[in-house]
Each structure stands twice: as structure tokens, then as C-alpha cells.
Amino acid sequence: MGKKIGTLVFLCLMWTVIGFAAESGRWQWVDSTAHYTYYLDTETIGYDAAFQHATYWQKVIGLGAPEGTYNLYHIEINFVNKTGRSNEYATVKNGQVVRQHTINNTYYYIHPNSVKEKEANILASKFGLDSIYPQGEARWQWVKSTDKMSLYVLRDAVTGDGEYCYIWAKWQPIDGNPWTTRYACSLTSREMGYKSSPTYKVRMKQILPDTMEEAIYNAALRTYQGR
């Protein structure tokens, strides 16, 4: 009898542990930086296959934040044009919502090497889609360097619409963190400009000779015209 009771207690304890692990495991770790840790809620993912449109909740915990305090963002991603936006924001303390707002953000292009790219690729793998951009460090092609900066382009992700071709560039300082920028390069004149959002109007500028911008422009045209 004692053995049966012991076995029953053990099974109940094991079930409790498994149940807790399943509940806490809904938050999938995505990335950690010097200031934040990011998680994705696997239980509230939405997906519209007809439009390749996904929604999910992101949890962001700041370094040094009070225990049990974090921010939540509701995010939309469109896999067709590789854009995303957040439409709701909340702060949670010990399970209680203390602040919640609707955000009217416009869609922005998802940056390569970003947390959003990692989240998008996690979702893409769940839905049987290709990754947002080609993967691996080899995807960045070196194009030019100075004594303070190296420049790379995402060669395999160049697109175009007949008027412009679009390319991602990665700026890598000798000392410091890199950043990425999306450029629109004219196919009819030596001009280029930033294009961070589908609704953002590009301010084109003339390409100056022997500059980093010229290296980006030349790489974009060579890749686009050679496809």
C-alpha cells in the first residue's frame, strides 16, 4: 500500500513539473543583447496562408529591470514583401498589465541581422516558408573598406521594380557595432537614397565618385543586371 501511495505521489509531482515546464516553455528565446533579451510567444501565433501574413507577441526584458517586469509588443510580419510592424504595446509587472497602448506604426522592411529577422525565420520554419533573407555569414559580400569602416552588401537579396533596384548594405566600423541600411538605386541615373519603408518617399542623391555610396550603387547594379 505504501509503495502505491509513494508511486502516486511521484506521478503527481512529475505531472506538476511537466505542466509547469509546458506553461513556462511557451516563450521561445530569440536573442540577447547587452541591454535586452527577446522572447516569442509560441501559443498566440497567427498566420494567414493566403497572404503569408503572421502575427505574434514579443516579450522584451530589459537588463536591470525589476524582477517580473517586461514589455510586450504585438507584431505583424508580411513574408511577401519582407516587412513588419508593431501595433500594440504593453508593460507587465508580476503578471499584471500596468500600461497598454495601440500603436499606429507603418510597415518597415525587416533588417537583416536583426531580432525581427530571427523572429521571422522562426515563424517561417513553422509555416514551411523560406527564410526572410539568405542565411550564413557568406551572404555578406565585401565591397569596400577605409581605415575606419568596412562595407558589405547582401548580394543575394537584391530586388527591383524596373525603376529602382534595392539592396541592403552593412556598415561595420573598426570599433563599434554594425548597422544595416536599405538603399534604392536608380536604374536610369547615378542616384540613390534610403528606402526603409514601402510608404517612405526616397530622396535621391547624386552618387559621388570613389565613395562608399558609389561602391553600394555599383554592387547593386552589377547584381541586378547580372541576374
Protein backbone atom coordinates (compact mmCIF):
# COMPACT_ATOMS: atom_id res chain seq x y z
CA MET A 1 0.00 0.00 0.00
CA GLY A 2 2.83 2.34 0.95
CA LYS A 3 4.54 1.68 -2.38
CA LYS A 4 1.33 2.53 -4.26
CA ILE A 5 0.94 5.81 -2.38
CA GLY A 6 4.59 6.65 -3.00
CA THR A 7 4.20 5.91 -6.70
CA LEU A 8 1.06 8.04 -6.87
CA VAL A 9 2.79 10.97 -5.16
CA PHE A 10 5.76 10.65 -7.53
CA LEU A 11 3.49 10.66 -10.59
CA CYS A 12 1.60 13.70 -9.31
CA LEU A 13 4.85 15.55 -8.69
CA MET A 14 6.14 14.59 -12.15
CA TRP A 15 2.90 15.80 -13.76
CA THR A 16 3.21 19.11 -11.89
CA VAL A 17 6.77 19.63 -13.11
CA ILE A 18 5.86 18.72 -16.70
CA GLY A 19 2.82 21.00 -16.62
CA PHE A 20 4.90 23.92 -15.32
CA ALA A 21 7.59 23.33 -17.96
CA ALA A 22 4.97 23.35 -20.71
CA GLU A 23 3.47 26.61 -19.43
CA SER A 24 6.79 28.41 -18.99
CA GLY A 25 8.04 26.97 -22.28
CA ARG A 26 5.56 29.00 -24.32
CA TRP A 27 8.15 31.78 -24.51
CA GLN A 28 10.82 30.82 -27.03
CA TRP A 29 14.13 32.60 -26.60
CA VAL A 30 15.12 34.59 -29.70
CA ASP A 31 18.13 36.75 -28.88
CA SER A 32 20.02 38.57 -26.14
CA THR A 33 22.00 41.80 -26.45
CA ALA A 34 23.93 43.92 -23.99
CA HIS A 35 20.67 45.62 -22.97
CA TYR A 36 17.70 43.34 -23.77
CA THR A 37 16.54 39.73 -24.02
CA TYR A 38 13.82 38.84 -26.53
CA TYR A 39 11.25 36.03 -26.48
CA LEU A 40 8.46 34.95 -28.84
CA ASP A 41 5.13 33.58 -27.58
CA THR A 42 4.56 30.27 -29.36
CA GLU A 43 0.94 29.95 -28.15
CA THR A 44 -0.54 33.06 -29.78
CA ILE A 45 0.98 32.91 -33.26
CA GLY A 46 -1.45 33.72 -36.06
CA TYR A 47 -0.95 33.00 -39.76
CA ASP A 48 -2.91 33.76 -42.94
CA ALA A 49 -1.51 31.45 -45.63
CA ALA A 50 -3.33 33.25 -48.45
CA PHE A 51 -1.39 36.46 -47.78
CA GLN A 52 1.64 34.95 -45.99
CA HIS A 53 0.89 37.26 -43.08
CA ALA A 54 1.79 36.35 -39.48
CA THR A 55 1.15 37.88 -36.06
CA TYR A 56 2.76 37.14 -32.69
CA TRP A 57 3.59 38.60 -29.27
CA GLN A 58 7.16 39.53 -28.43
CA LYS A 59 8.42 39.79 -24.84
CA VAL A 60 11.33 42.17 -24.13
CA ILE A 61 13.13 42.10 -20.77
CA GLY A 62 15.49 44.98 -20.13
CA LEU A 63 18.80 44.49 -18.37
CA GLY A 64 18.37 45.56 -14.75
CA ALA A 65 14.57 45.69 -14.97
CA PRO A 66 12.72 44.86 -11.71
CA GLU A 67 12.00 41.14 -11.39
CA GLY A 68 8.76 40.20 -13.11
CA THR A 69 8.68 43.36 -15.24
CA TYR A 70 8.78 43.25 -19.04
CA ASN A 71 7.29 44.79 -22.18
CA LEU A 72 5.05 43.08 -24.72
CA TYR A 73 4.71 44.02 -28.40
CA HIS A 74 2.14 42.62 -30.81
CA ILE A 75 3.89 42.31 -34.17
CA GLU A 76 2.75 41.69 -37.74
CA ILE A 77 5.01 40.30 -40.44
CA ASN A 78 4.37 40.07 -44.18
CA PHE A 79 6.60 37.41 -45.74
CA VAL A 80 5.82 38.51 -49.31
CA ASN A 81 7.41 41.96 -49.11
CA LYS A 82 9.57 41.23 -46.02
CA THR A 83 8.02 43.90 -43.83
CA GLY A 84 6.84 44.12 -40.25
CA ARG A 85 5.31 46.47 -37.72
CA SER A 86 4.14 46.56 -34.10
CA ASN A 87 0.51 47.52 -33.47
CA GLU A 88 0.19 47.19 -29.68
CA TYR A 89 2.44 47.73 -26.69
CA ALA A 90 2.08 46.85 -23.00
CA THR A 91 4.11 46.81 -19.80
CA VAL A 92 3.56 43.91 -17.39
CA LYS A 93 4.62 43.72 -13.72
CA ASN A 94 4.26 40.41 -11.89
CA GLY A 95 1.59 39.24 -14.32
CA GLN A 96 -0.49 42.44 -14.13
CA VAL A 97 -0.86 44.84 -17.06
CA VAL A 98 0.11 48.34 -15.90
CA ARG A 99 0.24 50.05 -19.30
CA GLN A 100 -1.30 49.19 -22.68
CA HIS A 101 -1.45 51.21 -25.88
CA THR A 102 -2.43 50.73 -29.51
CA ILE A 103 0.35 51.80 -31.88
CA ASN A 104 -0.31 53.10 -35.37
CA ASN A 105 3.09 52.19 -36.82
CA THR A 106 3.73 51.91 -40.55
CA TYR A 107 5.29 48.81 -42.05
CA TYR A 108 9.08 48.81 -42.26
CA TYR A 109 11.43 46.48 -44.10
CA ILE A 110 12.88 43.85 -41.79
CA HIS A 111 16.59 44.45 -41.33
CA PRO A 112 18.99 41.55 -41.87
CA ASN A 113 20.99 40.65 -38.75
CA SER A 114 18.15 41.99 -36.58
CA VAL A 115 15.98 40.44 -33.86
CA LYS A 116 12.98 40.78 -36.21
CA GLU A 117 14.76 38.71 -38.86
CA LYS A 118 15.40 35.96 -36.30
CA GLU A 119 11.76 36.03 -35.20
CA ALA A 120 10.55 35.99 -38.82
CA ASN A 121 12.77 32.99 -39.58
CA ILE A 122 11.43 31.10 -36.54
CA LEU A 123 7.91 31.64 -37.87
CA ALA A 124 8.93 30.81 -41.44
CA SER A 125 10.24 27.43 -40.32
CA LYS A 126 6.91 26.71 -38.59
CA PHE A 127 4.92 27.59 -41.73
CA GLY A 128 7.20 25.86 -44.24
CA LEU A 129 8.39 29.13 -45.80
CA ASP A 130 11.85 30.20 -46.90
CA SER A 131 13.87 32.38 -44.56
CA ILE A 132 13.39 36.13 -44.98
CA TYR A 133 16.89 36.54 -46.43
CA PRO A 134 19.67 34.10 -47.42
CA GLN A 135 21.44 32.80 -44.31
CA GLY A 136 25.06 32.41 -43.23
CA GLU A 137 27.91 34.88 -42.88
CA ALA A 138 28.87 34.30 -46.53
CA ARG A 139 25.71 36.15 -47.51
CA TRP A 140 27.52 39.45 -46.86
CA GLN A 141 29.85 40.34 -49.73
CA TRP A 142 32.66 42.79 -49.03
CA VAL A 143 32.75 45.77 -51.39
CA LYS A 144 34.94 48.49 -49.86
CA SER A 145 36.97 49.46 -46.77
CA THR A 146 38.57 52.55 -45.28
CA ASP A 147 40.78 52.92 -42.21
CA LYS A 148 37.62 53.28 -40.09
CA MET A 149 34.89 51.29 -41.85
CA SER A 150 34.22 48.16 -43.89
CA LEU A 151 31.23 47.89 -46.17
CA TYR A 152 29.30 44.76 -47.21
CA VAL A 153 26.18 44.13 -49.30
CA LEU A 154 23.54 41.41 -49.15
CA ARG A 155 24.10 40.37 -52.73
CA ASP A 156 21.57 37.52 -52.92
CA ALA A 157 18.70 39.71 -51.71
CA VAL A 158 18.79 42.39 -54.44
CA THR A 159 15.35 43.14 -55.87
CA GLY A 160 13.97 45.65 -58.39
CA ASP A 161 10.82 47.11 -59.89
CA GLY A 162 12.02 48.43 -63.25
CA GLU A 163 12.74 51.92 -61.93
CA TYR A 164 14.96 51.11 -58.97
CA CYS A 165 16.90 48.17 -57.64
CA TYR A 166 17.09 47.68 -53.88
CA ILE A 167 20.00 46.44 -51.82
CA TRP A 168 20.92 46.01 -48.15
CA ALA A 169 24.31 47.32 -47.01
CA LYS A 170 26.07 46.51 -43.75
CA TRP A 171 28.32 49.20 -42.30
CA GLN A 172 30.97 47.68 -40.00
CA PRO A 173 33.07 50.20 -38.03
CA ILE A 174 36.55 49.10 -36.99
CA ASP A 175 35.50 49.88 -33.41
CA GLY A 176 31.78 49.59 -32.75
CA ASN A 177 28.60 47.77 -33.68
CA PRO A 178 27.48 47.31 -37.30
CA TRP A 179 24.24 48.61 -38.75
CA THR A 180 22.29 47.86 -41.91
CA THR A 181 20.59 50.19 -44.39
CA ARG A 182 18.31 49.51 -47.35
CA TYR A 183 19.03 51.60 -50.47
CA ALA A 184 17.07 52.34 -53.63
CA CYS A 185 19.40 52.69 -56.63
CA SER A 186 18.12 54.32 -59.81
CA LEU A 187 18.37 52.19 -62.95
CA THR A 188 18.41 55.24 -65.23
CA SER A 189 20.66 57.74 -63.43
CA ARG A 190 23.55 57.73 -60.95
CA GLU A 191 21.36 58.37 -57.93
CA MET A 192 20.44 56.51 -54.76
CA GLY A 193 18.63 57.04 -51.46
CA TYR A 194 17.32 55.35 -48.32
CA LYS A 195 14.23 53.13 -48.58
CA SER A 196 13.31 51.86 -45.10
CA SER A 197 9.54 51.51 -45.61
CA PRO A 198 7.19 50.79 -48.54
CA THR A 199 5.47 54.12 -47.84
CA TYR A 200 8.68 56.13 -47.39
CA LYS A 201 9.41 58.51 -50.27
CA VAL A 202 13.01 58.18 -51.37
CA ARG A 203 15.12 61.33 -51.51
CA MET A 204 17.57 60.56 -54.26
CA LYS A 205 21.10 61.97 -54.23
CA GLN A 206 23.81 62.02 -56.85
CA ILE A 207 26.48 59.35 -56.48
CA LEU A 208 29.86 60.89 -55.70
CA PRO A 209 32.96 59.19 -57.16
CA ASP A 210 35.19 56.96 -55.05
CA THR A 211 32.81 56.84 -52.08
CA MET A 212 31.18 54.09 -50.05
CA GLU A 213 27.86 55.02 -51.66
CA GLU A 214 29.32 54.51 -55.12
CA ALA A 215 30.52 51.04 -54.07
CA ILE A 216 26.99 50.17 -52.91
CA TYR A 217 25.45 51.53 -56.11
CA ASN A 218 27.86 49.64 -58.38
CA ALA A 219 27.35 46.37 -56.47
CA ALA A 220 23.57 46.79 -56.68
CA LEU A 221 23.55 47.39 -60.43
CA ARG A 222 26.02 44.61 -61.19
CA THR A 223 23.97 42.12 -59.21
CA TYR A 224 20.58 43.25 -60.51
CA GLN A 225 21.62 43.38 -64.16
CA GLY A 226 23.51 40.08 -63.93
CA ARG A 227 20.60 38.04 -62.64
